Amino acid sequence: MKIERIYLSPIAAYLFRLILLLLVGWSSYVVIDLVVNEFEQPQTIKWGIEIDFYSYLMRHVAVDLIGLYMLFFVVKVKR
C-alpha cells in the first residue's frame, strides 16, 4: 500500500501543518501525563467506563506517529 503525497497551496499547507502540530502536541501531552501519573495501572475508570490503560496509551502514541509522518513526508507545498 503506497501512501500518496498531498500537494497543497502554501496557505493551506501552513494551516494543515499547524493543525497537525496542535494534534501531535496535545497527544504527546496526554501520553506524558498518562505515563507520569497512571503508569502500570491495569484499568482506568473514566465517566463510569473501564478502559484498558495500555490500549488508551497506544492510541495516543499512534496519533503522534501518524501525525509526525504526515507532517514530514505526506504534506507537500504546490509550487
PDB file of N, CA and C in Angstrom:
ATOM      1  N   MET A   1       0.848  -1.175   0.000  1.00  0.00           N
ATOM      2  CA  MET A   1       0.000   0.000   0.000  1.00  0.00           C
ATOM      3  C   MET A   1       0.894   1.239   0.000  1.00  0.00           C
ATOM      4  N   LYS A   2       0.762   2.035  -1.023  1.00  0.00           N
ATOM      5  CA  LYS A   2       1.576   3.239  -1.135  1.00  0.00           C
ATOM      6  C   LYS A   2       0.758   4.447  -0.695  1.00  0.00           C
ATOM      7  N   ILE A   3       1.361   5.274   0.113  1.00  0.00           N
ATOM      8  CA  ILE A   3       0.694   6.484   0.584  1.00  0.00           C
ATOM      9  C   ILE A   3       1.051   7.624  -0.359  1.00  0.00           C
ATOM     10  N   GLU A   4       0.041   8.224  -0.933  1.00  0.00           N
ATOM     11  CA  GLU A   4       0.252   9.326  -1.869  1.00  0.00           C
ATOM     12  C   GLU A   4       0.559  10.612  -1.109  1.00  0.00           C
ATOM     13  N   ARG A   5       1.345  11.459  -1.743  1.00  0.00           N
ATOM     14  CA  ARG A   5       1.621  12.767  -1.153  1.00  0.00           C
ATOM     15  C   ARG A   5       0.453  13.704  -1.421  1.00  0.00           C
ATOM     16  N   ILE A   6       0.252  14.632  -0.507  1.00  0.00           N
ATOM     17  CA  ILE A   6      -0.792  15.641  -0.653  1.00  0.00           C
ATOM     18  C   ILE A   6      -0.108  16.951  -1.017  1.00  0.00           C
ATOM     19  N   TYR A   7      -0.448  17.515  -2.167  1.00  0.00           N
ATOM     20  CA  TYR A   7       0.122  18.790  -2.594  1.00  0.00           C
ATOM     21  C   TYR A   7      -0.897  19.891  -2.345  1.00  0.00           C
ATOM     22  N   LEU A   8      -0.531  20.851  -1.507  1.00  0.00           N
ATOM     23  CA  LEU A   8      -1.429  21.936  -1.126  1.00  0.00           C
ATOM     24  C   LEU A   8      -0.803  23.276  -1.468  1.00  0.00           C
ATOM     25  N   SER A   9      -1.643  24.293  -1.568  1.00  0.00           N
ATOM     26  CA  SER A   9      -1.129  25.650  -1.749  1.00  0.00           C
ATOM     27  C   SER A   9      -0.385  26.055  -0.476  1.00  0.00           C
ATOM     28  N   PRO A  10       0.479  27.063  -0.541  1.00  0.00           N
ATOM     29  CA  PRO A  10       1.267  27.433   0.644  1.00  0.00           C
ATOM     30  C   PRO A  10       0.424  27.761   1.877  1.00  0.00           C
ATOM     31  N   ILE A  11      -0.672  28.474   1.709  1.00  0.00           N
ATOM     32  CA  ILE A  11      -1.501  28.833   2.872  1.00  0.00           C
ATOM     33  C   ILE A  11      -2.197  27.603   3.430  1.00  0.00           C
ATOM     34  N   ALA A  12      -2.744  26.759   2.554  1.00  0.00           N
ATOM     35  CA  ALA A  12      -3.418  25.539   3.009  1.00  0.00           C
ATOM     36  C   ALA A  12      -2.429  24.591   3.681  1.00  0.00           C
ATOM     37  N   ALA A  13      -1.212  24.491   3.131  1.00  0.00           N
ATOM     38  CA  ALA A  13      -0.198  23.628   3.743  1.00  0.00           C
ATOM     39  C   ALA A  13       0.191  24.155   5.122  1.00  0.00           C
ATOM     40  N   TYR A  14       0.311  25.466   5.256  1.00  0.00           N
ATOM     41  CA  TYR A  14       0.637  26.059   6.553  1.00  0.00           C
ATOM     42  C   TYR A  14      -0.449  25.747   7.580  1.00  0.00           C
ATOM     43  N   LEU A  15      -1.715  25.931   7.195  1.00  0.00           N
ATOM     44  CA  LEU A  15      -2.820  25.660   8.123  1.00  0.00           C
ATOM     45  C   LEU A  15      -2.912  24.175   8.467  1.00  0.00           C
ATOM     46  N   PHE A  16      -2.727  23.310   7.478  1.00  0.00           N
ATOM     47  CA  PHE A  16      -2.778  21.871   7.721  1.00  0.00           C
ATOM     48  C   PHE A  16      -1.660  21.444   8.660  1.00  0.00           C
ATOM     49  N   ARG A  17      -0.454  21.979   8.441  1.00  0.00           N
ATOM     50  CA  ARG A  17       0.669  21.647   9.326  1.00  0.00           C
ATOM     51  C   ARG A  17       0.457  22.198  10.726  1.00  0.00           C
ATOM     52  N   LEU A  18      -0.155  23.366  10.838  1.00  0.00           N
ATOM     53  CA  LEU A  18      -0.460  23.927  12.154  1.00  0.00           C
ATOM     54  C   LEU A  18      -1.431  23.030  12.915  1.00  0.00           C
ATOM     55  N   ILE A  19      -2.468  22.565  12.225  1.00  0.00           N
ATOM     56  CA  ILE A  19      -3.432  21.663  12.867  1.00  0.00           C
ATOM     57  C   ILE A  19      -2.753  20.354  13.269  1.00  0.00           C
ATOM     58  N   LEU A  20      -1.895  19.812  12.404  1.00  0.00           N
ATOM     59  CA  LEU A  20      -1.174  18.584  12.746  1.00  0.00           C
ATOM     60  C   LEU A  20      -0.267  18.792  13.952  1.00  0.00           C
ATOM     61  N   LEU A  21       0.430  19.930  14.006  1.00  0.00           N
ATOM     62  CA  LEU A  21       1.294  20.203  15.157  1.00  0.00           C
ATOM     63  C   LEU A  21       0.495  20.309  16.446  1.00  0.00           C
ATOM     64  N   LEU A  22      -0.667  20.955  16.395  1.00  0.00           N
ATOM     65  CA  LEU A  22      -1.513  21.042  17.584  1.00  0.00           C
ATOM     66  C   LEU A  22      -2.000  19.661  18.009  1.00  0.00           C
ATOM     67  N   LEU A  23      -2.389  18.826  17.053  1.00  0.00           N
ATOM     68  CA  LEU A  23      -2.849  17.475  17.363  1.00  0.00           C
ATOM     69  C   LEU A  23      -1.731  16.630  17.961  1.00  0.00           C
ATOM     70  N   VAL A  24      -0.541  16.694  17.366  1.00  0.00           N
ATOM     71  CA  VAL A  24       0.595  15.930  17.881  1.00  0.00           C
ATOM     72  C   VAL A  24       1.012  16.451  19.254  1.00  0.00           C
ATOM     73  N   GLY A  25       0.992  17.762  19.446  1.00  0.00           N
ATOM     74  CA  GLY A  25       1.339  18.328  20.749  1.00  0.00           C
ATOM     75  C   GLY A  25       0.372  17.910  21.831  1.00  0.00           C
ATOM     76  N   TRP A  26      -0.921  17.949  21.524  1.00  0.00           N
ATOM     77  CA  TRP A  26      -1.928  17.537  22.507  1.00  0.00           C
ATOM     78  C   TRP A  26      -1.801  16.053  22.827  1.00  0.00           C
ATOM     79  N   SER A  27      -1.610  15.240  21.800  1.00  0.00           N
ATOM     80  CA  SER A  27      -1.497  13.805  22.011  1.00  0.00           C
ATOM     81  C   SER A  27      -0.226  13.467  22.789  1.00  0.00           C
ATOM     82  N   SER A  28       0.864  14.169  22.524  1.00  0.00           N
ATOM     83  CA  SER A  28       2.100  13.955  23.288  1.00  0.00           C
ATOM     84  C   SER A  28       1.913  14.338  24.746  1.00  0.00           C
ATOM     85  N   TYR A  29       1.202  15.421  24.991  1.00  0.00           N
ATOM     86  CA  TYR A  29       0.910  15.830  26.364  1.00  0.00           C
ATOM     87  C   TYR A  29       0.108  14.747  27.093  1.00  0.00           C
ATOM     88  N   VAL A  30      -0.887  14.172  26.410  1.00  0.00           N
ATOM     89  CA  VAL A  30      -1.697  13.118  27.026  1.00  0.00           C
ATOM     90  C   VAL A  30      -0.840  11.897  27.334  1.00  0.00           C
ATOM     91  N   VAL A  31       0.046  11.511  26.409  1.00  0.00           N
ATOM     92  CA  VAL A  31       0.919  10.353  26.637  1.00  0.00           C
ATOM     93  C   VAL A  31       1.828  10.600  27.829  1.00  0.00           C
ATOM     94  N   ILE A  32       2.455  11.767  27.893  1.00  0.00           N
ATOM     95  CA  ILE A  32       3.350  12.074  29.014  1.00  0.00           C
ATOM     96  C   ILE A  32       2.578  12.098  30.320  1.00  0.00           C
ATOM     97  N   ASP A  33       1.393  12.688  30.317  1.00  0.00           N
ATOM     98  CA  ASP A  33       0.572  12.742  31.522  1.00  0.00           C
ATOM     99  C   ASP A  33       0.164  11.346  31.977  1.00  0.00           C
ATOM    100  N   LEU A  34      -0.222  10.493  31.038  1.00  0.00           N
ATOM    101  CA  LEU A  34      -0.612   9.129  31.400  1.00  0.00           C
ATOM    102  C   LEU A  34       0.552   8.341  31.970  1.00  0.00           C
ATOM    103  N   VAL A  35       1.717   8.455  31.344  1.00  0.00           N
ATOM    104  CA  VAL A  35       2.878   7.693  31.809  1.00  0.00           C
ATOM    105  C   VAL A  35       3.325   8.168  33.182  1.00  0.00           C
ATOM    106  N   VAL A  36       3.333   9.467  33.408  1.00  0.00           N
ATOM    107  CA  VAL A  36       3.804  10.002  34.688  1.00  0.00           C
ATOM    108  C   VAL A  36       2.820   9.722  35.814  1.00  0.00           C
ATOM    109  N   ASN A  37       1.539   9.915  35.563  1.00  0.00           N
ATOM    110  CA  ASN A  37       0.565   9.846  36.651  1.00  0.00           C
ATOM    111  C   ASN A  37      -0.100   8.496  36.836  1.00  0.00           C
ATOM    112  N   GLU A  38      -0.234   7.702  35.787  1.00  0.00           N
ATOM    113  CA  GLU A  38      -1.011   6.476  35.901  1.00  0.00           C
ATOM    114  C   GLU A  38      -0.263   5.259  35.392  1.00  0.00           C
ATOM    115  N   PHE A  39       1.040   5.271  35.420  1.00  0.00           N
ATOM    116  CA  PHE A  39       1.795   4.172  34.822  1.00  0.00           C
ATOM    117  C   PHE A  39       1.533   2.861  35.553  1.00  0.00           C
ATOM    118  N   GLU A  40       1.313   1.804  34.782  1.00  0.00           N
ATOM    119  CA  GLU A  40       1.106   0.428  35.236  1.00  0.00           C
ATOM    120  C   GLU A  40      -0.187   0.213  36.004  1.00  0.00           C
ATOM    121  N   GLN A  41      -1.148   1.080  35.878  1.00  0.00           N
ATOM    122  CA  GLN A  41      -2.463   0.782  36.443  1.00  0.00           C
ATOM    123  C   GLN A  41      -3.233   0.004  35.388  1.00  0.00           C
ATOM    124  N   PRO A  42      -3.715  -1.188  35.717  1.00  0.00           N
ATOM    125  CA  PRO A  42      -4.323  -2.025  34.684  1.00  0.00           C
ATOM    126  C   PRO A  42      -5.620  -1.468  34.113  1.00  0.00           C
ATOM    127  N   GLN A  43      -6.421  -0.794  34.923  1.00  0.00           N
ATOM    128  CA  GLN A  43      -7.692  -0.257  34.442  1.00  0.00           C
ATOM    129  C   GLN A  43      -7.819   1.196  34.865  1.00  0.00           C
ATOM    130  N   THR A  44      -8.361   1.991  33.998  1.00  0.00           N
ATOM    131  CA  THR A  44      -8.662   3.380  34.305  1.00  0.00           C
ATOM    132  C   THR A  44     -10.162   3.555  34.159  1.00  0.00           C
ATOM    133  N   ILE A  45     -10.788   4.166  35.132  1.00  0.00           N
ATOM    134  CA  ILE A  45     -12.229   4.391  35.052  1.00  0.00           C
ATOM    135  C   ILE A  45     -12.455   5.842  34.666  1.00  0.00           C
ATOM    136  N   LYS A  46     -13.143   6.035  33.551  1.00  0.00           N
ATOM    137  CA  LYS A  46     -13.395   7.378  33.050  1.00  0.00           C
ATOM    138  C   LYS A  46     -14.868   7.452  32.676  1.00  0.00           C
ATOM    139  N   TRP A  47     -15.584   8.341  33.284  1.00  0.00           N
ATOM    140  CA  TRP A  47     -17.022   8.518  33.064  1.00  0.00           C
ATOM    141  C   TRP A  47     -17.796   7.218  33.300  1.00  0.00           C
ATOM    142  N   GLY A  48     -17.327   6.430  34.262  1.00  0.00           N
ATOM    143  CA  GLY A  48     -18.014   5.191  34.601  1.00  0.00           C
ATOM    144  C   GLY A  48     -17.727   4.035  33.667  1.00  0.00           C
ATOM    145  N   ILE A  49     -16.777   4.200  32.737  1.00  0.00           N
ATOM    146  CA  ILE A  49     -16.444   3.143  31.782  1.00  0.00           C
ATOM    147  C   ILE A  49     -15.018   2.691  32.059  1.00  0.00           C
ATOM    148  N   GLU A  50     -14.812   1.379  32.135  1.00  0.00           N
ATOM    149  CA  GLU A  50     -13.461   0.865  32.343  1.00  0.00           C
ATOM    150  C   GLU A  50     -12.718   0.847  31.009  1.00  0.00           C
ATOM    151  N   ILE A  51     -11.503   1.369  31.028  1.00  0.00           N
ATOM    152  CA  ILE A  51     -10.680   1.457  29.822  1.00  0.00           C
ATOM    153  C   ILE A  51      -9.366   0.741  30.102  1.00  0.00           C
ATOM    154  N   ASP A  52      -8.902  -0.037  29.148  1.00  0.00           N
ATOM    155  CA  ASP A  52      -7.597  -0.663  29.279  1.00  0.00           C
ATOM    156  C   ASP A  52      -6.529   0.422  29.116  1.00  0.00           C
ATOM    157  N   PHE A  53      -5.655   0.556  30.108  1.00  0.00           N
ATOM    158  CA  PHE A  53      -4.673   1.640  30.135  1.00  0.00           C
ATOM    159  C   PHE A  53      -3.756   1.596  28.916  1.00  0.00           C
ATOM    160  N   TYR A  54      -3.243   0.403  28.572  1.00  0.00           N
ATOM    161  CA  TYR A  54      -2.255   0.319  27.505  1.00  0.00           C
ATOM    162  C   TYR A  54      -2.867   0.574  26.128  1.00  0.00           C
ATOM    163  N   SER A  55      -4.106   0.162  25.905  1.00  0.00           N
ATOM    164  CA  SER A  55      -4.725   0.463  24.610  1.00  0.00           C
ATOM    165  C   SER A  55      -5.010   1.962  24.491  1.00  0.00           C
ATOM    166  N   TYR A  56      -5.385   2.595  25.597  1.00  0.00           N
ATOM    167  CA  TYR A  56      -5.608   4.046  25.603  1.00  0.00           C
ATOM    168  C   TYR A  56      -4.296   4.781  25.324  1.00  0.00           C
ATOM    169  N   LEU A  57      -3.208   4.314  25.944  1.00  0.00           N
ATOM    170  CA  LEU A  57      -1.894   4.915  25.739  1.00  0.00           C
ATOM    171  C   LEU A  57      -1.425   4.719  24.296  1.00  0.00           C
ATOM    172  N   MET A  58      -1.577   3.516  23.768  1.00  0.00           N
ATOM    173  CA  MET A  58      -1.114   3.228  22.412  1.00  0.00           C
ATOM    174  C   MET A  58      -1.922   3.994  21.365  1.00  0.00           C
ATOM    175  N   ARG A  59      -3.178   4.286  21.659  1.00  0.00           N
ATOM    176  CA  ARG A  59      -3.989   5.089  20.733  1.00  0.00           C
ATOM    177  C   ARG A  59      -3.362   6.465  20.550  1.00  0.00           C
ATOM    178  N   HIS A  60      -2.918   7.070  21.637  1.00  0.00           N
ATOM    179  CA  HIS A  60      -2.311   8.399  21.539  1.00  0.00           C
ATOM    180  C   HIS A  60      -0.910   8.334  20.939  1.00  0.00           C
ATOM    181  N   VAL A  61      -0.175   7.268  21.196  1.00  0.00           N
ATOM    182  CA  VAL A  61       1.134   7.100  20.561  1.00  0.00           C
ATOM    183  C   VAL A  61       0.960   6.954  19.048  1.00  0.00           C
ATOM    184  N   ALA A  62      -0.061   6.217  18.621  1.00  0.00           N
ATOM    185  CA  ALA A  62      -0.329   6.059  17.187  1.00  0.00           C
ATOM    186  C   ALA A  62      -0.687   7.395  16.547  1.00  0.00           C
ATOM    187  N   VAL A  63      -1.480   8.215  17.229  1.00  0.00           N
ATOM    188  CA  VAL A  63      -1.816   9.546  16.700  1.00  0.00           C
ATOM    189  C   VAL A  63      -0.550  10.376  16.544  1.00  0.00           C
ATOM    190  N   ASP A  64       0.361  10.290  17.516  1.00  0.00           N
ATOM    191  CA  ASP A  64       1.635  11.010  17.420  1.00  0.00           C
ATOM    192  C   ASP A  64       2.436  10.566  16.199  1.00  0.00           C
ATOM    193  N   LEU A  65       2.598   9.265  16.042  1.00  0.00           N
ATOM    194  CA  LEU A  65       3.430   8.757  14.953  1.00  0.00           C
ATOM    195  C   LEU A  65       2.827   9.056  13.581  1.00  0.00           C
ATOM    196  N   ILE A  66       1.530   8.866  13.439  1.00  0.00           N
ATOM    197  CA  ILE A  66       0.878   9.155  12.157  1.00  0.00           C
ATOM    198  C   ILE A  66       0.933  10.648  11.851  1.00  0.00           C
ATOM    199  N   GLY A  67       0.725  11.483  12.861  1.00  0.00           N
ATOM    200  CA  GLY A  67       0.793  12.927  12.658  1.00  0.00           C
ATOM    201  C   GLY A  67       2.177  13.386  12.243  1.00  0.00           C
ATOM    202  N   LEU A  68       3.210  12.860  12.889  1.00  0.00           N
ATOM    203  CA  LEU A  68       4.576  13.232  12.516  1.00  0.00           C
ATOM    204  C   LEU A  68       4.929  12.734  11.116  1.00  0.00           C
ATOM    205  N   TYR A  69       4.484  11.522  10.783  1.00  0.00           N
ATOM    206  CA  TYR A  69       4.737  11.001   9.438  1.00  0.00           C
ATOM    207  C   TYR A  69       4.080  11.894   8.384  1.00  0.00           C
ATOM    208  N   MET A  70       2.836  12.264   8.623  1.00  0.00           N
ATOM    209  CA  MET A  70       2.150  13.145   7.669  1.00  0.00           C
ATOM    210  C   MET A  70       2.823  14.501   7.592  1.00  0.00           C
ATOM    211  N   LEU A  71       3.274  15.007   8.729  1.00  0.00           N
ATOM    212  CA  LEU A  71       3.899  16.321   8.769  1.00  0.00           C
ATOM    213  C   LEU A  71       5.173  16.359   7.931  1.00  0.00           C
ATOM    214  N   PHE A  72       5.986  15.310   8.021  1.00  0.00           N
ATOM    215  CA  PHE A  72       7.283  15.335   7.356  1.00  0.00           C
ATOM    216  C   PHE A  72       7.291  14.719   5.956  1.00  0.00           C
ATOM    217  N   PHE A  73       6.412  13.737   5.684  1.00  0.00           N
ATOM    218  CA  PHE A  73       6.538  13.001   4.428  1.00  0.00           C
ATOM    219  C   PHE A  73       5.333  13.084   3.500  1.00  0.00           C
ATOM    220  N   VAL A  74       4.157  13.456   3.985  1.00  0.00           N
ATOM    221  CA  VAL A  74       2.964  13.402   3.137  1.00  0.00           C
ATOM    222  C   VAL A  74       2.585  14.773   2.603  1.00  0.00           C
ATOM    223  N   VAL A  75       2.561  15.788   3.448  1.00  0.00           N
ATOM    224  CA  VAL A  75       2.101  17.115   3.035  1.00  0.00           C
ATOM    225  C   VAL A  75       3.236  17.857   2.332  1.00  0.00           C
ATOM    226  N   LYS A  76       3.004  18.234   1.088  1.00  0.00           N
ATOM    227  CA  LYS A  76       3.983  18.984   0.301  1.00  0.00           C
ATOM    228  C   LYS A  76       3.333  20.259  -0.220  1.00  0.00           C
ATOM    229  N   VAL A  77       4.158  21.262  -0.500  1.00  0.00           N
ATOM    230  CA  VAL A  77       3.658  22.547  -0.998  1.00  0.00           C
ATOM    231  C   VAL A  77       3.684  22.535  -2.521  1.00  0.00           C
ATOM    232  N   LYS A  78       2.553  22.927  -3.116  1.00  0.00           N
ATOM    233  CA  LYS A  78       2.453  23.029  -4.569  1.00  0.00           C
ATOM    234  C   LYS A  78       3.167  24.304  -5.003  1.00  0.00           C
ATOM    235  N   ARG A  79       4.032  24.197  -5.974  1.00  0.00           N
ATOM    236  CA  ARG A  79       4.788  25.372  -6.424  1.00  0.00           C
ATOM    237  C   ARG A  79       4.320  25.836  -7.767  1.00  0.00           C
TER     238      ARG A  79
END
